[in-house]
Protein backbone atom coordinates (compact mmCIF):
# COMPACT_ATOMS: atom_id res chain seq x y z
CA MET A 1 116.78 93.35 123.70
CA PHE A 2 117.53 92.78 120.01
CA LYS A 3 113.89 93.44 119.07
CA LYS A 4 113.89 96.73 121.03
CA LEU A 5 117.08 97.89 119.32
CA LYS A 6 115.63 96.93 115.94
CA LEU A 7 112.46 98.92 116.66
CA LEU A 8 114.45 101.99 117.74
CA LEU A 9 116.56 101.79 114.58
CA LEU A 10 113.47 101.51 112.36
CA ARG A 11 111.87 104.54 114.06
CA PHE A 12 115.03 106.57 113.57
CA ILE A 13 115.17 105.65 109.87
CA ASN A 14 111.47 106.50 109.49
CA ARG A 15 112.05 109.99 110.92
CA LEU A 16 114.60 110.57 108.19
CA GLY A 17 111.97 109.70 105.59
CA TYR A 18 113.11 106.17 104.82
CA THR A 19 111.79 102.71 105.49
CA VAL A 20 113.19 99.18 105.37
CA TYR A 21 111.74 96.23 103.46
CA LYS A 22 112.71 92.63 103.97
CA LEU A 23 113.58 91.05 100.63
CA PRO A 24 113.30 87.33 99.94
CA ARG A 25 116.43 85.23 100.02
CA LYS A 26 118.07 84.67 96.69
CA PRO A 27 116.34 81.52 95.43
CA GLY A 28 118.43 78.45 94.82
CA PRO A 29 119.16 74.91 95.98
CA THR A 30 120.13 74.59 99.61
CA LYS A 31 120.05 71.87 102.26
CA LYS A 32 119.18 74.38 105.00
CA MET A 33 115.60 73.70 106.06
CA GLY A 34 112.90 75.92 107.45
CA SER A 35 109.23 75.20 108.01
CA ILE A 36 105.87 76.66 107.09
CA VAL A 37 102.51 75.83 108.67
CA LEU A 38 99.68 75.11 106.24
CA GLY A 39 96.38 73.53 107.13
CA GLY A 40 97.61 73.01 110.67
CA LYS A 41 100.59 70.94 109.49
CA ALA A 42 104.25 71.94 109.68
CA LEU A 43 105.92 71.34 106.33
CA LYS A 44 109.65 71.18 105.74
CA VAL A 45 110.85 73.57 103.05
CA PRO A 46 114.37 74.62 101.98
CA VAL A 47 114.97 78.28 102.83
CA GLY A 48 116.15 78.84 99.25
CA ASN A 49 112.78 77.75 97.86
CA PRO A 50 110.65 80.84 97.03
CA LEU A 51 107.68 79.16 98.74
CA TYR A 52 109.41 79.66 102.09
CA PHE A 53 109.28 83.45 101.66
CA HIS A 54 105.87 83.61 99.97
CA TYR A 55 104.01 81.83 102.75
CA GLN A 56 105.77 83.86 105.43
CA GLN A 57 104.99 87.19 103.79
CA TYR A 58 101.58 86.29 102.38
CA PRO A 59 99.79 83.84 104.73
CA ASN A 60 96.83 83.53 102.34
CA PHE A 61 99.02 82.73 99.33
CA ASN A 62 97.52 79.88 97.23
CA GLN A 63 94.52 79.50 99.55
CA PHE A 64 92.00 79.80 96.72
CA ILE A 65 92.68 76.24 95.60
CA GLY A 66 91.58 74.99 99.02
CA THR A 67 88.34 76.94 98.79
CA MET A 68 87.78 75.54 95.31
CA ALA A 69 88.50 71.98 96.44
CA ALA A 70 85.87 72.31 99.18
CA SER A 71 83.29 73.71 96.74
CA ILE A 72 83.92 71.00 94.16
CA GLN A 73 83.82 68.23 96.76
CA LYS A 74 80.30 69.28 97.80
CA ARG A 75 79.20 68.45 94.24
CA HIS A 76 81.50 65.49 93.69
CA PRO A 77 82.14 63.86 97.10
CA MET A 78 83.76 60.75 95.58
CA GLY A 79 86.27 62.71 93.51
CA TRP A 80 90.06 62.90 93.60
CA ALA A 81 92.50 65.79 93.23
CA VAL A 82 95.69 65.69 91.17
CA ASP A 83 98.57 68.05 91.96
CA VAL A 84 101.16 68.16 89.17
CA GLY A 85 104.26 70.14 90.10
CA ALA A 86 103.59 69.33 93.74
CA ASN A 87 106.94 70.78 94.86
CA ILE A 88 107.28 70.22 98.64
CA GLY A 89 103.57 69.56 99.24
CA ASP A 90 102.20 73.02 100.00
CA THR A 91 99.18 72.70 97.68
CA LEU A 92 98.57 69.21 99.05
CA ALA A 93 98.38 70.62 102.60
CA ILE A 94 95.98 73.38 101.53
CA ILE A 95 93.68 70.99 99.69
CA LYS A 96 93.69 68.49 102.56
CA SER A 97 92.81 71.23 105.06
CA LEU A 98 89.43 71.77 103.38
CA ALA A 99 88.70 68.60 101.40
CA SER A 100 88.99 64.92 102.31
CA TRP A 101 89.66 63.70 98.77
CA PRO A 102 92.48 61.33 97.91
CA VAL A 103 95.27 63.30 96.20
CA ILE A 104 97.80 62.23 93.57
CA CYS A 105 100.97 64.35 93.81
CA VAL A 106 103.38 64.33 90.87
CA GLU A 107 106.85 65.86 91.13
CA GLY A 108 109.77 65.31 88.77
CA ASP A 109 112.57 67.13 90.58
CA GLU A 110 114.43 64.61 92.75
CA PHE A 111 115.23 66.97 95.63
CA CYS A 112 111.70 68.37 95.86
CA HIS A 113 110.29 64.85 95.58
CA LYS A 114 112.21 63.65 98.64
CA ILE A 115 110.87 66.53 100.74
CA LEU A 116 107.39 66.02 99.30
CA GLN A 117 107.45 62.36 100.37
CA GLU A 118 108.35 63.33 103.92
CA ASN A 119 105.72 66.05 104.16
CA ALA A 120 103.03 63.86 102.58
CA ARG A 121 103.32 61.28 105.37
CA GLN A 122 101.27 63.64 107.56
CA PHE A 123 98.19 63.07 105.39
CA GLU A 124 96.01 60.09 104.52
CA GLN A 125 95.18 58.88 101.02
CA VAL A 126 98.09 60.52 99.22
CA HIS A 127 99.82 58.92 96.24
CA VAL A 128 103.23 60.46 95.52
CA VAL A 129 104.62 59.86 92.02
CA HIS A 130 108.17 60.77 90.99
CA THR A 131 108.19 61.47 87.27
CA PHE A 132 108.18 64.18 84.63
CA LEU A 133 105.02 64.52 82.54
CA GLY A 134 104.41 65.62 78.97
CA ASP A 135 101.96 65.23 76.10
CA LYS A 136 103.36 61.85 75.08
CA MET A 137 105.43 58.95 76.38
CA GLU A 138 109.01 59.66 75.34
CA SER A 139 112.60 60.32 76.29
CA ALA A 140 113.91 63.75 75.35
CA ASN A 141 117.13 65.73 75.58
CA ILE A 142 116.40 68.54 78.02
CA GLU A 143 118.19 71.50 79.59
CA SER A 144 117.15 72.06 83.22
CA GLN A 145 117.12 75.33 85.14
CA LYS A 146 116.28 76.09 88.79
CA VAL A 147 116.98 72.49 89.78
CA GLY A 148 116.03 71.66 93.34
CA TRP A 149 113.47 74.39 93.92
CA ASN A 150 111.48 75.41 90.82
CA ARG A 151 112.68 73.13 88.06
CA THR A 152 112.18 74.54 84.57
CA LEU A 153 112.64 72.34 81.49
CA LEU A 154 113.77 73.69 78.13
CA PRO A 155 114.69 72.05 74.81
CA ALA A 156 118.42 71.34 74.75
CA LYS A 157 120.48 73.72 72.63
CA SER A 158 123.65 72.79 70.80
CA GLY A 159 126.60 73.01 73.18
CA SER A 160 124.44 73.43 76.29
CA SER A 161 124.54 71.18 79.34
CA SER A 162 121.65 68.75 78.93
CA GLU A 163 120.31 65.41 80.10
CA THR A 164 117.94 62.79 78.78
CA LEU A 165 114.69 62.68 80.75
CA LYS A 166 111.85 60.19 80.54
CA PHE A 167 108.35 61.63 80.22
CA LEU A 168 105.06 59.90 81.00
CA THR A 169 101.54 61.16 80.38
CA LEU A 170 99.10 61.96 83.14
CA ASP A 171 96.66 59.50 81.58
CA TYR A 172 99.25 56.76 82.11
CA VAL A 173 100.09 57.80 85.70
CA VAL A 174 96.44 57.90 86.79
CA GLY A 175 95.82 54.58 85.05
CA GLU A 176 98.56 52.98 87.18
CA ILE A 177 96.74 53.74 90.45
CA LYS A 178 95.43 50.39 91.67
CA GLN A 179 91.93 51.60 92.54
CA PRO A 180 89.13 53.51 90.80
CA VAL A 181 90.01 57.17 90.28
CA ILE A 182 87.60 59.96 89.36
CA VAL A 183 89.56 63.22 89.07
CA LYS A 184 87.47 66.32 89.80
CA LEU A 185 90.28 68.84 90.42
CA LEU A 186 93.44 68.98 88.31
CA LYS A 187 96.13 71.50 89.27
CA VAL A 188 99.19 71.90 87.03
CA ASP A 189 102.04 74.31 87.81
CA THR A 190 105.20 73.23 86.00
CA GLU A 191 106.98 76.36 84.74
CA GLY A 192 105.72 76.28 81.16
CA TYR A 193 105.04 72.57 80.68
CA ASP A 194 101.45 73.01 81.86
CA LEU A 195 99.93 73.00 78.37
CA ARG A 196 101.75 69.82 77.32
CA ILE A 197 100.87 68.00 80.53
CA ILE A 198 97.17 68.82 80.20
CA ARG A 199 97.24 67.63 76.58
CA GLY A 200 98.63 64.36 77.91
CA ALA A 201 95.50 63.95 80.04
CA ARG A 202 92.98 63.87 77.20
CA GLU A 203 91.33 60.59 78.26
CA LEU A 204 91.05 61.81 81.86
CA LEU A 205 89.51 65.13 80.78
CA GLU A 206 86.98 63.44 78.50
CA ARG A 207 86.00 60.91 81.17
CA ASP A 208 86.03 62.90 84.44
CA GLN A 209 85.58 66.52 83.28
CA PRO A 210 87.56 67.97 86.22
CA VAL A 211 87.94 71.63 87.05
CA ILE A 212 91.43 72.52 85.80
CA THR A 213 93.77 75.17 87.13
CA PHE A 214 97.10 75.94 85.50
CA GLU A 215 99.67 78.70 85.23
CA LEU A 216 99.93 80.65 81.98
CA ASN A 217 103.41 82.16 82.11
CA ARG A 218 104.57 83.69 78.85
CA GLU A 219 108.21 83.75 79.97
CA ASN A 220 108.19 79.95 80.27
CA VAL A 221 105.72 78.95 77.54
CA GLU A 222 107.27 80.86 74.63
CA PRO A 223 110.69 79.11 74.74
CA LEU A 224 108.84 75.80 74.31
CA GLY A 225 107.08 77.03 71.16
CA ASP A 226 103.63 75.91 72.30
CA SER A 227 100.56 77.69 70.90
CA VAL A 228 98.24 79.12 73.55
CA GLY A 229 95.52 79.57 70.93
CA ASP A 230 95.67 75.91 69.86
CA PHE A 231 95.60 74.87 73.51
CA PHE A 232 92.48 76.97 74.13
CA ASP A 233 90.85 75.24 71.15
CA PHE A 234 91.87 71.88 72.64
CA LEU A 235 90.03 72.64 75.89
CA VAL A 236 86.95 74.02 74.14
CA GLY A 237 86.87 70.92 71.96
CA LEU A 238 86.63 68.80 75.10
CA GLY A 239 83.64 70.77 76.39
CA TYR A 240 85.41 73.38 78.56
CA ALA A 241 83.35 76.53 78.16
CA HIS A 242 83.89 78.75 81.21
CA PHE A 243 87.17 80.25 82.42
CA LEU A 244 88.41 82.47 85.23
CA VAL A 245 91.58 84.52 84.77
CA ASN A 246 93.28 85.33 88.08
CA ASP A 247 96.48 87.16 88.91
CA ALA A 248 99.35 85.59 90.86
CA TYR A 249 97.62 86.40 94.17
CA ASP A 250 94.31 84.67 93.35
CA ARG A 251 92.54 87.93 92.55
CA LEU A 252 89.96 87.73 89.79
CA ILE A 253 90.85 89.66 86.65
CA CYS A 254 87.96 88.59 84.41
CA PRO A 255 85.84 85.64 83.27
CA LEU A 256 86.08 84.25 79.75
CA GLY A 257 83.77 82.12 77.63
CA LYS A 258 84.54 79.60 74.93
CA GLU A 259 84.26 82.41 72.37
CA SER A 260 86.92 84.53 74.17
CA LYS A 261 90.05 83.12 72.54
CA ALA A 262 91.15 86.50 71.11
CA LEU A 263 90.82 88.18 74.52
CA LEU A 264 92.86 85.45 76.20
CA LEU A 265 95.62 85.91 73.60
CA ASP A 266 95.57 89.69 74.13
CA LEU A 267 95.99 89.19 77.87
CA TYR A 268 98.75 86.67 77.27
CA GLN A 269 100.66 89.01 74.97
CA TYR A 270 100.33 91.83 77.51
CA SER A 271 101.75 89.78 80.36
CA ASN A 272 105.47 89.32 80.94
CA LEU A 273 108.25 89.79 83.47
CA GLY A 274 108.38 93.49 84.37
CA GLN A 275 104.75 94.10 83.40
CA PRO A 276 102.04 94.80 86.01
CA LEU A 277 100.70 91.32 85.21
CA TYR A 278 103.57 88.84 85.10
CA TYR A 279 101.53 85.66 84.64
CA PHE A 280 98.01 84.32 85.06
CA ASP A 281 96.35 81.47 86.90
CA ILE A 282 93.63 80.05 84.66
CA TRP A 283 90.65 78.10 85.97
CA ALA A 284 88.76 76.04 83.37
CA PHE A 285 85.26 74.65 84.00
CA HIS A 286 83.49 72.08 81.86
CA GLN A 287 80.15 73.11 80.36
CA ASN A 288 78.50 70.65 82.75
CA ASP A 289 79.84 72.68 85.70
CA ARG A 290 78.18 75.95 84.65
CA GLU A 291 76.33 76.31 87.97
CA LEU A 292 79.57 75.90 89.95
CA PHE A 293 81.32 78.42 87.70
CA ASP A 294 78.55 80.99 88.22
CA GLN A 295 78.70 80.56 91.99
CA VAL A 296 82.48 80.98 92.08
CA LEU A 297 82.37 84.00 89.78
CA GLU A 298 79.72 85.71 91.91
CA SER A 299 81.71 85.03 95.08
CA GLU A 300 84.90 86.45 93.58
CA ARG A 301 83.13 89.57 92.38
CA VAL A 302 81.71 90.16 95.86
CA LYS A 303 85.28 90.17 97.23
CA ARG A 304 86.02 93.23 95.08
CA ILE A 305 83.34 95.34 96.79
């Protein structure tokens, strides 16, 4: 009965020239739980976590990483995936639905980590690590925002509410796994800390040459004072020569080469909150993965037709 009344009301509003859109809940910490189904598994997720809305409204959200995991595993069947900023385990579920790799999930936020642990029990060969990562081993005075759902770390300002957090490097975390690890897919999504975390994986990148995907969000990177240009040089110096620039919905914007630093910086400066392009997802391929890069690029271009 309620659905019929709702439909009649919507039709009446439409006749008047209006429509109704469902907006996401205001994000924030909450103990009220919902669920989303990814890869055939039901995952617990707080209803105040933006992921709850995204996966309901956009069922294919974040699916590209699963497709990539499957493609990479065909070339590197003995590889591992690393998911930094694992949140409640949504990327884990997507990867596991298409690839049988072991996965290391790293999450620093305590509330998200507890839910991640519970969700991860549905999968085999998952290592869940509760820590914050950076470019060096240290303790730092940090101001936290969006705690409990999308934790964002900023340098502490005088007079602000802050806490001292311990940071490890990804090289250290992977080295603590008590079995041989060959990382072939590295995903980092940590609200601006992405560049620092990848810098803290230098040994891993030199040794394993994984495909890397990270978020380049000007709103979060600029307050940290990190140089995107220097970071691009860091990747190129390690042999990363081929890049895909995607929008927030996994749609290809353009490919870049190791000589495309100026273009990447132009795109970065153009992006921001309120702009048509808010942030980018960057995919970085080592020069030894040129054939894989070409195949992925061709496939993504075909989708445009």
